[in-house]
Amino acid sequence: MQVHYTERYAKISDVEKKKVARKFSKIHRILSANRDLEAHVVFSKSGSNVESEVTLHALHHTLVVTDRNGDAFTALNHALTKLEKQAVKNKDKLIETRRPSRQRGDLSPAVAAVLPKVAPEKPKGNRVVAAAKMVSKPLTMEEARIVLDQKDRDQVTFRDIESGRTCVLLRRRDGNLELIEMKS
């Protein structure tokens, strides 16, 4: 990882730069060890405080962190701690969005081998989910068919205009429609 320093009225020593290089190498391992990254560090002094700003372009993002302190090295150290947190957060976010949904909850084979095997709990039957209260509208058979097609649903409950009965129009698995009329 290449690090460029711009020092305006504040400097850090070569020994401190070596310590900072270790932090940068850790961030480099987090983001991508196989790509060469470039960071830019800017020191600026305002009053008695030194502000350090670190800019890093990685993983299609620009990570920017700043910190102020009386000492340039301390300000840079705190900024790099923030940068490390940002890098971990962005890397995790990138992995989760790219990974297929079937893999998100799965454990790695090495971890699965170590953990004791517990049989998953099976549900004791189908679950009943309460639907929102439906108001059956007065419709003709043709209007109910149109509503079924437009809303891409499997069933429509309606009140038949001619008979006044509550009806359910279902789309069967074979694609045909089935009408169920309730006795009132």
N, C-alpha and C. Protein backbone atom coordinates (compact mmCIF):
# COMPACT_ATOMS: atom_id res chain seq x y z
N MET A 1 0.84 -1.17 0.00
CA MET A 1 0.00 0.00 0.00
C MET A 1 0.89 1.23 0.00
N GLN A 2 0.58 2.14 -0.91
CA GLN A 2 1.35 3.38 -0.98
C GLN A 2 0.63 4.45 -0.16
N VAL A 3 1.40 5.15 0.65
CA VAL A 3 0.85 6.22 1.49
C VAL A 3 1.58 7.50 1.15
N HIS A 4 0.83 8.53 0.80
CA HIS A 4 1.38 9.84 0.49
C HIS A 4 1.03 10.79 1.63
N TYR A 5 2.04 11.53 2.09
CA TYR A 5 1.84 12.46 3.20
C TYR A 5 1.93 13.88 2.69
N THR A 6 0.97 14.72 3.10
CA THR A 6 1.03 16.16 2.87
C THR A 6 1.00 16.80 4.25
N GLU A 7 2.10 17.45 4.58
CA GLU A 7 2.24 17.99 5.93
C GLU A 7 2.25 19.51 5.87
N ARG A 8 1.24 20.10 6.48
CA ARG A 8 1.15 21.57 6.54
C ARG A 8 1.34 21.97 8.00
N TYR A 9 2.48 22.45 8.33
CA TYR A 9 2.82 22.93 9.67
C TYR A 9 2.75 21.85 10.74
N ALA A 10 2.67 20.60 10.37
CA ALA A 10 2.68 19.50 11.34
C ALA A 10 3.37 18.32 10.67
N LYS A 11 4.22 17.63 11.43
CA LYS A 11 4.97 16.50 10.87
C LYS A 11 4.97 15.35 11.85
N ILE A 12 5.22 14.15 11.31
CA ILE A 12 5.45 13.00 12.16
C ILE A 12 6.81 12.42 11.78
N SER A 13 7.44 11.77 12.74
CA SER A 13 8.79 11.25 12.51
C SER A 13 8.75 9.96 11.70
N ASP A 14 9.93 9.53 11.26
CA ASP A 14 10.03 8.29 10.49
C ASP A 14 9.65 7.07 11.33
N VAL A 15 9.98 7.09 12.61
CA VAL A 15 9.62 5.99 13.50
C VAL A 15 8.10 5.89 13.61
N GLU A 16 7.44 7.05 13.73
CA GLU A 16 5.98 7.06 13.80
C GLU A 16 5.36 6.62 12.48
N LYS A 17 6.03 6.95 11.36
CA LYS A 17 5.52 6.52 10.05
C LYS A 17 5.57 5.00 9.93
N LYS A 18 6.60 4.37 10.52
CA LYS A 18 6.69 2.91 10.50
C LYS A 18 5.55 2.28 11.31
N LYS A 19 5.22 2.89 12.45
CA LYS A 19 4.11 2.39 13.25
C LYS A 19 2.79 2.52 12.50
N VAL A 20 2.64 3.65 11.80
CA VAL A 20 1.42 3.89 11.02
C VAL A 20 1.36 2.92 9.84
N ALA A 21 2.51 2.56 9.29
CA ALA A 21 2.55 1.63 8.16
C ALA A 21 1.96 0.27 8.55
N ARG A 22 2.16 -0.13 9.81
CA ARG A 22 1.58 -1.40 10.26
C ARG A 22 0.05 -1.32 10.28
N LYS A 23 -0.47 -0.18 10.70
CA LYS A 23 -1.94 -0.01 10.69
C LYS A 23 -2.46 -0.01 9.26
N PHE A 24 -1.75 0.65 8.37
CA PHE A 24 -2.16 0.67 6.96
C PHE A 24 -2.11 -0.73 6.36
N SER A 25 -1.12 -1.53 6.76
CA SER A 25 -1.05 -2.89 6.22
C SER A 25 -2.22 -3.74 6.71
N LYS A 26 -2.67 -3.50 7.92
CA LYS A 26 -3.84 -4.21 8.44
C LYS A 26 -5.09 -3.82 7.64
N ILE A 27 -5.24 -2.55 7.36
CA ILE A 27 -6.38 -2.07 6.56
C ILE A 27 -6.29 -2.63 5.15
N HIS A 28 -5.08 -2.73 4.62
CA HIS A 28 -4.88 -3.29 3.28
C HIS A 28 -5.31 -4.75 3.24
N ARG A 29 -4.99 -5.52 4.29
CA ARG A 29 -5.42 -6.92 4.35
C ARG A 29 -6.94 -7.03 4.42
N ILE A 30 -7.57 -6.13 5.15
CA ILE A 30 -9.04 -6.16 5.28
C ILE A 30 -9.70 -5.89 3.93
N LEU A 31 -9.22 -4.89 3.23
CA LEU A 31 -9.90 -4.47 1.99
C LEU A 31 -9.58 -5.39 0.82
N SER A 32 -8.35 -5.54 0.49
CA SER A 32 -7.99 -6.44 -0.60
C SER A 32 -6.48 -6.59 -0.63
N ALA A 33 -6.03 -7.76 -0.27
CA ALA A 33 -4.59 -8.00 -0.20
C ALA A 33 -3.96 -8.13 -1.58
N ASN A 34 -4.78 -8.45 -2.60
CA ASN A 34 -4.20 -8.68 -3.92
C ASN A 34 -4.17 -7.42 -4.79
N ARG A 35 -4.71 -6.32 -4.33
CA ARG A 35 -4.69 -5.08 -5.10
C ARG A 35 -3.80 -4.07 -4.40
N ASP A 36 -3.18 -3.23 -5.19
CA ASP A 36 -2.34 -2.18 -4.61
C ASP A 36 -3.22 -0.97 -4.35
N LEU A 37 -3.32 -0.56 -3.10
CA LEU A 37 -4.14 0.58 -2.72
C LEU A 37 -3.27 1.80 -2.48
N GLU A 38 -3.90 2.93 -2.57
CA GLU A 38 -3.18 4.18 -2.38
C GLU A 38 -3.94 5.04 -1.39
N ALA A 39 -3.23 5.54 -0.37
CA ALA A 39 -3.84 6.39 0.66
C ALA A 39 -3.15 7.74 0.65
N HIS A 40 -3.93 8.75 1.00
CA HIS A 40 -3.39 10.11 1.07
C HIS A 40 -3.67 10.66 2.46
N VAL A 41 -2.62 11.08 3.16
CA VAL A 41 -2.75 11.61 4.51
C VAL A 41 -2.39 13.09 4.46
N VAL A 42 -3.29 13.92 5.00
CA VAL A 42 -3.06 15.37 5.02
C VAL A 42 -3.08 15.82 6.47
N PHE A 43 -2.00 16.49 6.89
CA PHE A 43 -1.93 17.09 8.21
C PHE A 43 -2.11 18.59 8.05
N SER A 44 -2.96 19.18 8.87
CA SER A 44 -3.09 20.65 8.86
C SER A 44 -3.23 21.11 10.31
N LYS A 45 -2.64 22.24 10.58
CA LYS A 45 -2.65 22.74 11.94
C LYS A 45 -3.58 23.94 12.02
N SER A 46 -4.47 23.90 13.00
CA SER A 46 -5.36 25.05 13.24
C SER A 46 -5.32 25.34 14.73
N GLY A 47 -4.70 26.44 15.07
CA GLY A 47 -4.53 26.79 16.48
C GLY A 47 -3.56 25.82 17.13
N SER A 48 -3.98 25.20 18.22
CA SER A 48 -3.10 24.25 18.90
C SER A 48 -3.41 22.81 18.50
N ASN A 49 -4.43 22.61 17.67
CA ASN A 49 -4.81 21.26 17.24
C ASN A 49 -4.25 20.93 15.87
N VAL A 50 -3.97 19.64 15.70
CA VAL A 50 -3.54 19.13 14.39
C VAL A 50 -4.66 18.24 13.88
N GLU A 51 -5.08 18.50 12.65
CA GLU A 51 -6.12 17.69 12.04
C GLU A 51 -5.47 16.75 11.02
N SER A 52 -5.79 15.48 11.14
CA SER A 52 -5.27 14.52 10.15
C SER A 52 -6.47 13.99 9.36
N GLU A 53 -6.32 14.01 8.05
CA GLU A 53 -7.36 13.52 7.15
C GLU A 53 -6.77 12.42 6.30
N VAL A 54 -7.40 11.25 6.30
CA VAL A 54 -6.93 10.11 5.52
C VAL A 54 -7.99 9.80 4.46
N THR A 55 -7.55 9.74 3.21
CA THR A 55 -8.43 9.41 2.09
C THR A 55 -7.90 8.13 1.45
N LEU A 56 -8.81 7.17 1.25
CA LEU A 56 -8.43 5.88 0.69
C LEU A 56 -9.50 5.45 -0.32
N HIS A 57 -9.06 5.10 -1.53
CA HIS A 57 -9.96 4.61 -2.57
C HIS A 57 -9.84 3.09 -2.63
N ALA A 58 -10.97 2.40 -2.28
CA ALA A 58 -10.95 0.94 -2.30
C ALA A 58 -12.36 0.40 -2.45
N LEU A 59 -12.49 -0.73 -3.15
CA LEU A 59 -13.77 -1.44 -3.29
C LEU A 59 -14.87 -0.54 -3.83
N HIS A 60 -14.55 0.25 -4.82
CA HIS A 60 -15.50 1.15 -5.47
C HIS A 60 -16.05 2.21 -4.52
N HIS A 61 -15.35 2.51 -3.46
CA HIS A 61 -15.75 3.53 -2.49
C HIS A 61 -14.56 4.39 -2.16
N THR A 62 -14.84 5.60 -1.73
CA THR A 62 -13.81 6.48 -1.20
C THR A 62 -14.04 6.59 0.29
N LEU A 63 -13.09 6.13 1.06
CA LEU A 63 -13.18 6.19 2.51
C LEU A 63 -12.40 7.41 2.98
N VAL A 64 -13.07 8.29 3.72
CA VAL A 64 -12.44 9.51 4.22
C VAL A 64 -12.70 9.60 5.71
N VAL A 65 -11.64 9.78 6.49
CA VAL A 65 -11.78 9.96 7.94
C VAL A 65 -10.90 11.12 8.38
N THR A 66 -11.35 11.80 9.42
CA THR A 66 -10.57 12.91 9.99
C THR A 66 -10.56 12.78 11.50
N ASP A 67 -9.54 13.38 12.10
CA ASP A 67 -9.47 13.43 13.55
C ASP A 67 -8.61 14.62 13.96
N ARG A 68 -8.94 15.21 15.10
CA ARG A 68 -8.17 16.35 15.63
C ARG A 68 -7.60 15.97 16.98
N ASN A 69 -6.37 16.43 17.20
CA ASN A 69 -5.72 16.20 18.48
C ASN A 69 -4.56 17.19 18.58
N GLY A 70 -3.99 17.30 19.76
CA GLY A 70 -2.86 18.19 19.96
C GLY A 70 -1.59 17.65 19.32
N ASP A 71 -1.52 16.33 19.14
CA ASP A 71 -0.34 15.68 18.57
C ASP A 71 -0.71 15.08 17.22
N ALA A 72 0.15 15.24 16.23
CA ALA A 72 -0.13 14.76 14.87
C ALA A 72 -0.22 13.24 14.83
N PHE A 73 0.68 12.55 15.52
CA PHE A 73 0.67 11.10 15.50
C PHE A 73 -0.59 10.53 16.15
N THR A 74 -1.01 11.13 17.27
CA THR A 74 -2.22 10.67 17.95
C THR A 74 -3.45 10.89 17.07
N ALA A 75 -3.50 12.05 16.41
CA ALA A 75 -4.63 12.34 15.52
C ALA A 75 -4.68 11.32 14.38
N LEU A 76 -3.52 11.01 13.81
CA LEU A 76 -3.46 10.04 12.72
C LEU A 76 -3.83 8.64 13.21
N ASN A 77 -3.37 8.27 14.39
CA ASN A 77 -3.68 6.97 14.95
C ASN A 77 -5.18 6.80 15.16
N HIS A 78 -5.84 7.83 15.70
CA HIS A 78 -7.29 7.78 15.91
C HIS A 78 -8.03 7.72 14.56
N ALA A 79 -7.54 8.47 13.59
CA ALA A 79 -8.17 8.46 12.26
C ALA A 79 -8.05 7.08 11.63
N LEU A 80 -6.91 6.42 11.81
CA LEU A 80 -6.73 5.08 11.23
C LEU A 80 -7.61 4.04 11.92
N THR A 81 -7.87 4.22 13.20
CA THR A 81 -8.80 3.34 13.89
C THR A 81 -10.20 3.49 13.30
N LYS A 82 -10.61 4.73 13.04
CA LYS A 82 -11.90 4.97 12.39
C LYS A 82 -11.93 4.38 10.99
N LEU A 83 -10.82 4.52 10.26
CA LEU A 83 -10.74 3.99 8.90
C LEU A 83 -10.86 2.47 8.91
N GLU A 84 -10.25 1.83 9.89
CA GLU A 84 -10.33 0.37 9.99
C GLU A 84 -11.78 -0.06 10.21
N LYS A 85 -12.51 0.64 11.06
CA LYS A 85 -13.92 0.32 11.29
C LYS A 85 -14.74 0.50 10.01
N GLN A 86 -14.48 1.60 9.30
CA GLN A 86 -15.18 1.84 8.04
C GLN A 86 -14.88 0.75 7.02
N ALA A 87 -13.62 0.33 6.96
CA ALA A 87 -13.22 -0.69 5.99
C ALA A 87 -13.92 -2.01 6.29
N VAL A 88 -13.97 -2.39 7.54
CA VAL A 88 -14.65 -3.64 7.92
C VAL A 88 -16.13 -3.56 7.58
N LYS A 89 -16.74 -2.43 7.88
CA LYS A 89 -18.17 -2.25 7.61
C LYS A 89 -18.46 -2.34 6.11
N ASN A 90 -17.67 -1.65 5.30
CA ASN A 90 -17.88 -1.67 3.85
C ASN A 90 -17.59 -3.04 3.24
N LYS A 91 -16.58 -3.71 3.74
CA LYS A 91 -16.25 -5.05 3.23
C LYS A 91 -17.38 -6.03 3.54
N ASP A 92 -17.90 -5.99 4.78
CA ASP A 92 -19.00 -6.86 5.16
C ASP A 92 -20.25 -6.57 4.32
N LYS A 93 -20.51 -5.30 4.10
CA LYS A 93 -21.67 -4.91 3.30
C LYS A 93 -21.53 -5.41 1.87
N LEU A 94 -20.35 -5.30 1.32
CA LEU A 94 -20.10 -5.75 -0.04
C LEU A 94 -20.24 -7.26 -0.15
N ILE A 95 -19.73 -7.99 0.83
CA ILE A 95 -19.82 -9.45 0.81
C ILE A 95 -21.27 -9.89 0.92
N GLU A 96 -22.03 -9.28 1.81
CA GLU A 96 -23.43 -9.66 2.01
C GLU A 96 -24.28 -9.39 0.78
N THR A 97 -24.02 -8.30 0.06
CA THR A 97 -24.83 -8.00 -1.11
C THR A 97 -24.43 -8.85 -2.31
N ARG A 98 -23.20 -9.31 -2.38
CA ARG A 98 -22.77 -10.13 -3.50
C ARG A 98 -23.03 -11.61 -3.29
N ARG A 99 -23.10 -12.04 -2.06
CA ARG A 99 -23.26 -13.46 -1.77
C ARG A 99 -24.71 -13.86 -2.04
N PRO A 100 -24.93 -15.00 -2.67
CA PRO A 100 -26.31 -15.46 -2.89
C PRO A 100 -27.04 -15.66 -1.57
N SER A 101 -28.34 -15.47 -1.59
CA SER A 101 -29.11 -15.54 -0.35
C SER A 101 -29.02 -16.93 0.29
N ARG A 102 -28.81 -17.97 -0.49
CA ARG A 102 -28.72 -19.32 0.09
C ARG A 102 -27.46 -19.49 0.93
N GLN A 103 -26.45 -18.65 0.73
CA GLN A 103 -25.20 -18.80 1.46
C GLN A 103 -25.12 -17.88 2.67
N ARG A 104 -26.01 -16.92 2.80
CA ARG A 104 -25.88 -15.93 3.87
C ARG A 104 -25.98 -16.52 5.25
N GLY A 105 -26.83 -17.51 5.44
CA GLY A 105 -27.00 -18.08 6.76
C GLY A 105 -26.18 -19.33 6.98
N ASP A 106 -25.55 -19.84 5.95
CA ASP A 106 -24.80 -21.09 6.06
C ASP A 106 -23.46 -20.87 6.74
N LEU A 107 -23.04 -21.88 7.47
CA LEU A 107 -21.72 -21.86 8.09
C LEU A 107 -20.70 -22.43 7.11
N SER A 108 -19.46 -22.05 7.31
CA SER A 108 -18.42 -22.62 6.48
C SER A 108 -18.26 -24.10 6.85
N PRO A 109 -17.75 -24.92 5.92
CA PRO A 109 -17.61 -26.35 6.21
C PRO A 109 -16.72 -26.63 7.42
N ALA A 110 -15.69 -25.83 7.62
CA ALA A 110 -14.80 -26.04 8.76
C ALA A 110 -15.53 -25.78 10.07
N VAL A 111 -16.33 -24.73 10.12
CA VAL A 111 -17.07 -24.41 11.35
C VAL A 111 -18.17 -25.44 11.58
N ALA A 112 -18.84 -25.86 10.51
CA ALA A 112 -19.92 -26.84 10.65
C ALA A 112 -19.39 -28.18 11.16
N ALA A 113 -18.17 -28.54 10.80
CA ALA A 113 -17.59 -29.80 11.26
C ALA A 113 -17.29 -29.77 12.76
N VAL A 114 -16.95 -28.61 13.28
CA VAL A 114 -16.58 -28.49 14.69
C VAL A 114 -17.82 -28.44 15.58
N LEU A 115 -18.87 -27.77 15.13
CA LEU A 115 -20.07 -27.62 15.95
C LEU A 115 -20.81 -28.95 16.06
N PRO A 116 -21.45 -29.19 17.21
CA PRO A 116 -22.22 -30.43 17.34
C PRO A 116 -23.44 -30.38 16.42
N LYS A 117 -23.75 -31.53 15.86
CA LYS A 117 -24.86 -31.58 14.92
C LYS A 117 -26.16 -31.74 15.69
N VAL A 118 -27.05 -30.77 15.52
CA VAL A 118 -28.35 -30.77 16.17
C VAL A 118 -29.39 -30.80 15.08
N ALA A 119 -30.35 -31.68 15.21
CA ALA A 119 -31.41 -31.78 14.21
C ALA A 119 -32.28 -30.54 14.29
N PRO A 120 -32.60 -29.94 13.14
CA PRO A 120 -33.45 -28.75 13.17
C PRO A 120 -34.86 -29.11 13.61
N GLU A 121 -35.46 -28.19 14.32
CA GLU A 121 -36.81 -28.40 14.81
C GLU A 121 -37.79 -28.29 13.66
N LYS A 122 -38.65 -29.30 13.53
CA LYS A 122 -39.63 -29.27 12.46
C LYS A 122 -40.93 -28.66 12.98
N PRO A 123 -41.58 -27.84 12.16
CA PRO A 123 -42.85 -27.27 12.62
C PRO A 123 -43.92 -28.36 12.75
N LYS A 124 -44.84 -28.14 13.65
CA LYS A 124 -45.88 -29.15 13.92
C LYS A 124 -47.12 -28.89 13.09
N GLY A 125 -46.96 -28.69 11.82
CA GLY A 125 -48.10 -28.45 10.94
C GLY A 125 -47.95 -27.11 10.24
N ASN A 126 -48.89 -26.84 9.36
CA ASN A 126 -48.86 -25.58 8.63
C ASN A 126 -49.25 -24.43 9.54
N ARG A 127 -48.65 -23.33 9.32
CA ARG A 127 -48.91 -22.13 10.09
C ARG A 127 -50.08 -21.38 9.47
N VAL A 128 -50.95 -20.85 10.30
CA VAL A 128 -52.07 -20.05 9.82
C VAL A 128 -51.73 -18.59 10.06
N VAL A 129 -51.77 -17.81 8.99
CA VAL A 129 -51.44 -16.40 9.07
C VAL A 129 -52.71 -15.61 8.85
N ALA A 130 -53.03 -14.71 9.77
CA ALA A 130 -54.24 -13.91 9.64
C ALA A 130 -54.03 -12.83 8.58
N ALA A 131 -54.97 -12.73 7.68
CA ALA A 131 -54.91 -11.72 6.62
C ALA A 131 -55.64 -10.48 7.09
N ALA A 132 -55.39 -9.40 6.40
CA ALA A 132 -56.09 -8.15 6.71
C ALA A 132 -57.57 -8.33 6.39
N LYS A 133 -58.41 -7.58 7.08
CA LYS A 133 -59.85 -7.68 6.87
C LYS A 133 -60.18 -7.25 5.45
N MET A 134 -60.94 -8.10 4.74
CA MET A 134 -61.25 -7.82 3.34
C MET A 134 -62.71 -7.40 3.23
N VAL A 135 -62.95 -6.41 2.42
CA VAL A 135 -64.31 -5.99 2.11
C VAL A 135 -64.61 -6.48 0.71
N SER A 136 -65.65 -7.30 0.58
CA SER A 136 -65.96 -7.82 -0.74
C SER A 136 -66.75 -6.78 -1.51
N LYS A 137 -66.26 -6.42 -2.68
CA LYS A 137 -66.88 -5.39 -3.50
C LYS A 137 -67.87 -6.04 -4.46
N PRO A 138 -68.93 -5.35 -4.80
CA PRO A 138 -69.83 -5.89 -5.80
C PRO A 138 -69.20 -5.81 -7.19
N LEU A 139 -68.99 -6.97 -7.82
CA LEU A 139 -68.37 -7.04 -9.14
C LEU A 139 -69.11 -8.06 -9.99
N THR A 140 -68.93 -7.94 -11.28
CA THR A 140 -69.38 -8.99 -12.17
C THR A 140 -68.27 -10.01 -12.30
N MET A 141 -68.58 -11.16 -12.91
CA MET A 141 -67.58 -12.20 -13.09
C MET A 141 -66.42 -11.70 -13.94
N GLU A 142 -66.71 -10.94 -14.99
CA GLU A 142 -65.67 -10.44 -15.88
C GLU A 142 -64.78 -9.43 -15.17
N GLU A 143 -65.36 -8.56 -14.33
CA GLU A 143 -64.57 -7.59 -13.58
C GLU A 143 -63.64 -8.30 -12.59
N ALA A 144 -64.13 -9.36 -11.96
CA ALA A 144 -63.31 -10.13 -11.02
C ALA A 144 -62.14 -10.77 -11.74
N ARG A 145 -62.36 -11.27 -12.96
CA ARG A 145 -61.29 -11.86 -13.75
C ARG A 145 -60.23 -10.81 -14.09
N ILE A 146 -60.66 -9.59 -14.41
CA ILE A 146 -59.72 -8.50 -14.73
C ILE A 146 -58.90 -8.15 -13.50
N VAL A 147 -59.55 -8.04 -12.34
CA VAL A 147 -58.82 -7.73 -11.10
C VAL A 147 -57.81 -8.82 -10.80
N LEU A 148 -58.17 -10.08 -11.01
CA LEU A 148 -57.27 -11.20 -10.77
C LEU A 148 -56.03 -11.11 -11.65
N ASP A 149 -56.21 -10.73 -12.91
CA ASP A 149 -55.08 -10.63 -13.84
C ASP A 149 -54.23 -9.38 -13.57
N GLN A 150 -54.87 -8.26 -13.27
CA GLN A 150 -54.13 -7.00 -13.09
C GLN A 150 -53.27 -7.02 -11.83
N LYS A 151 -53.78 -7.56 -10.75
CA LYS A 151 -53.04 -7.52 -9.49
C LYS A 151 -52.15 -8.73 -9.30
N ASP A 152 -52.10 -9.62 -10.28
CA ASP A 152 -51.23 -10.79 -10.24
C ASP A 152 -51.42 -11.57 -8.93
N ARG A 153 -52.69 -11.89 -8.66
CA ARG A 153 -53.03 -12.61 -7.44
C ARG A 153 -53.56 -13.99 -7.79
N ASP A 154 -53.69 -14.84 -6.77
CA ASP A 154 -54.21 -16.19 -6.99
C ASP A 154 -55.70 -16.30 -6.68
N GLN A 155 -56.24 -15.31 -5.96
CA GLN A 155 -57.66 -15.36 -5.64
C GLN A 155 -58.21 -13.96 -5.46
N VAL A 156 -59.51 -13.80 -5.73
CA VAL A 156 -60.22 -12.54 -5.53
C VAL A 156 -61.54 -12.87 -4.87
N THR A 157 -61.84 -12.20 -3.77
CA THR A 157 -63.13 -12.36 -3.09
C THR A 157 -63.98 -11.16 -3.48
N PHE A 158 -65.22 -11.42 -3.92
CA PHE A 158 -66.09 -10.34 -4.34
C PHE A 158 -67.54 -10.72 -4.11
N ARG A 159 -68.44 -9.72 -4.17
CA ARG A 159 -69.88 -9.95 -4.06
C ARG A 159 -70.45 -9.85 -5.47
N ASP A 160 -71.11 -10.92 -5.90
CA ASP A 160 -71.68 -10.98 -7.25
C ASP A 160 -72.83 -9.98 -7.35
N ILE A 161 -72.84 -9.15 -8.40
CA ILE A 161 -73.86 -8.12 -8.57
C ILE A 161 -75.22 -8.76 -8.82
N GLU A 162 -75.27 -9.81 -9.61
CA GLU A 162 -76.54 -10.41 -10.00
C GLU A 162 -77.20 -11.18 -8.85
N SER A 163 -76.45 -12.03 -8.17
CA SER A 163 -77.04 -12.88 -7.13
C SER A 163 -76.89 -12.30 -5.72
N GLY A 164 -75.93 -11.41 -5.51
CA GLY A 164 -75.69 -10.83 -4.19
C GLY A 164 -74.90 -11.76 -3.27
N ARG A 165 -74.44 -12.89 -3.76
CA ARG A 165 -73.68 -13.85 -2.97
C ARG A 165 -72.20 -13.48 -2.94
N THR A 166 -71.53 -13.91 -1.87
CA THR A 166 -70.08 -13.73 -1.78
C THR A 166 -69.44 -14.85 -2.59
N CYS A 167 -68.51 -14.48 -3.45
CA CYS A 167 -67.85 -15.44 -4.33
C CYS A 167 -66.34 -15.31 -4.21
N VAL A 168 -65.67 -16.41 -4.49
CA VAL A 168 -64.21 -16.43 -4.53
C VAL A 168 -63.81 -16.98 -5.89
N LEU A 169 -63.00 -16.21 -6.60
CA LEU A 169 -62.48 -16.64 -7.89
C LEU A 169 -61.03 -17.04 -7.69
N LEU A 170 -60.69 -18.31 -7.95
CA LEU A 170 -59.35 -18.84 -7.71
C LEU A 170 -58.65 -19.16 -9.02
N ARG A 171 -57.34 -18.96 -9.04
CA ARG A 171 -56.53 -19.42 -10.16
C ARG A 171 -55.92 -20.75 -9.74
N ARG A 172 -56.25 -21.80 -10.48
CA ARG A 172 -55.74 -23.13 -10.17
C ARG A 172 -54.32 -23.29 -10.68
N ARG A 173 -53.66 -24.34 -10.25
CA ARG A 173 -52.28 -24.58 -10.67
C ARG A 173 -52.15 -24.83 -12.16
N ASP A 174 -53.20 -25.37 -12.76
CA ASP A 174 -53.14 -25.62 -14.20
C ASP A 174 -53.43 -24.38 -15.03
N GLY A 175 -53.72 -23.24 -14.38
CA GLY A 175 -53.95 -21.98 -15.08
C GLY A 175 -55.41 -21.64 -15.27
N ASN A 176 -56.30 -22.60 -15.09
CA ASN A 176 -57.74 -22.34 -15.22
C ASN A 176 -58.25 -21.63 -13.98
N LEU A 177 -59.44 -21.03 -14.11
CA LEU A 177 -60.05 -20.31 -12.99
C LEU A 177 -61.19 -21.15 -12.42
N GLU A 178 -61.37 -21.05 -11.10
CA GLU A 178 -62.42 -21.79 -10.41
C GLU A 178 -63.24 -20.80 -9.61
N LEU A 179 -64.57 -20.91 -9.68
CA LEU A 179 -65.47 -20.01 -8.97
C LEU A 179 -66.11 -20.76 -7.84
N ILE A 180 -66.05 -20.19 -6.64
CA ILE A 180 -66.71 -20.76 -5.46
C ILE A 180 -67.73 -19.75 -5.01
N GLU A 181 -69.00 -20.17 -4.93
CA GLU A 181 -70.09 -19.29 -4.49
C GLU A 181 -70.51 -19.72 -3.09
N MET A 182 -70.60 -18.75 -2.19
CA MET A 182 -71.02 -19.02 -0.81
C MET A 182 -72.54 -18.89 -0.71
N LYS A 183 -73.13 -19.71 0.13
CA LYS A 183 -74.56 -19.57 0.38
C LYS A 183 -74.76 -18.47 1.41
N SER A 184 -75.72 -17.62 1.14
CA SER A 184 -75.92 -16.52 2.10
C SER A 184 -77.14 -16.71 2.94
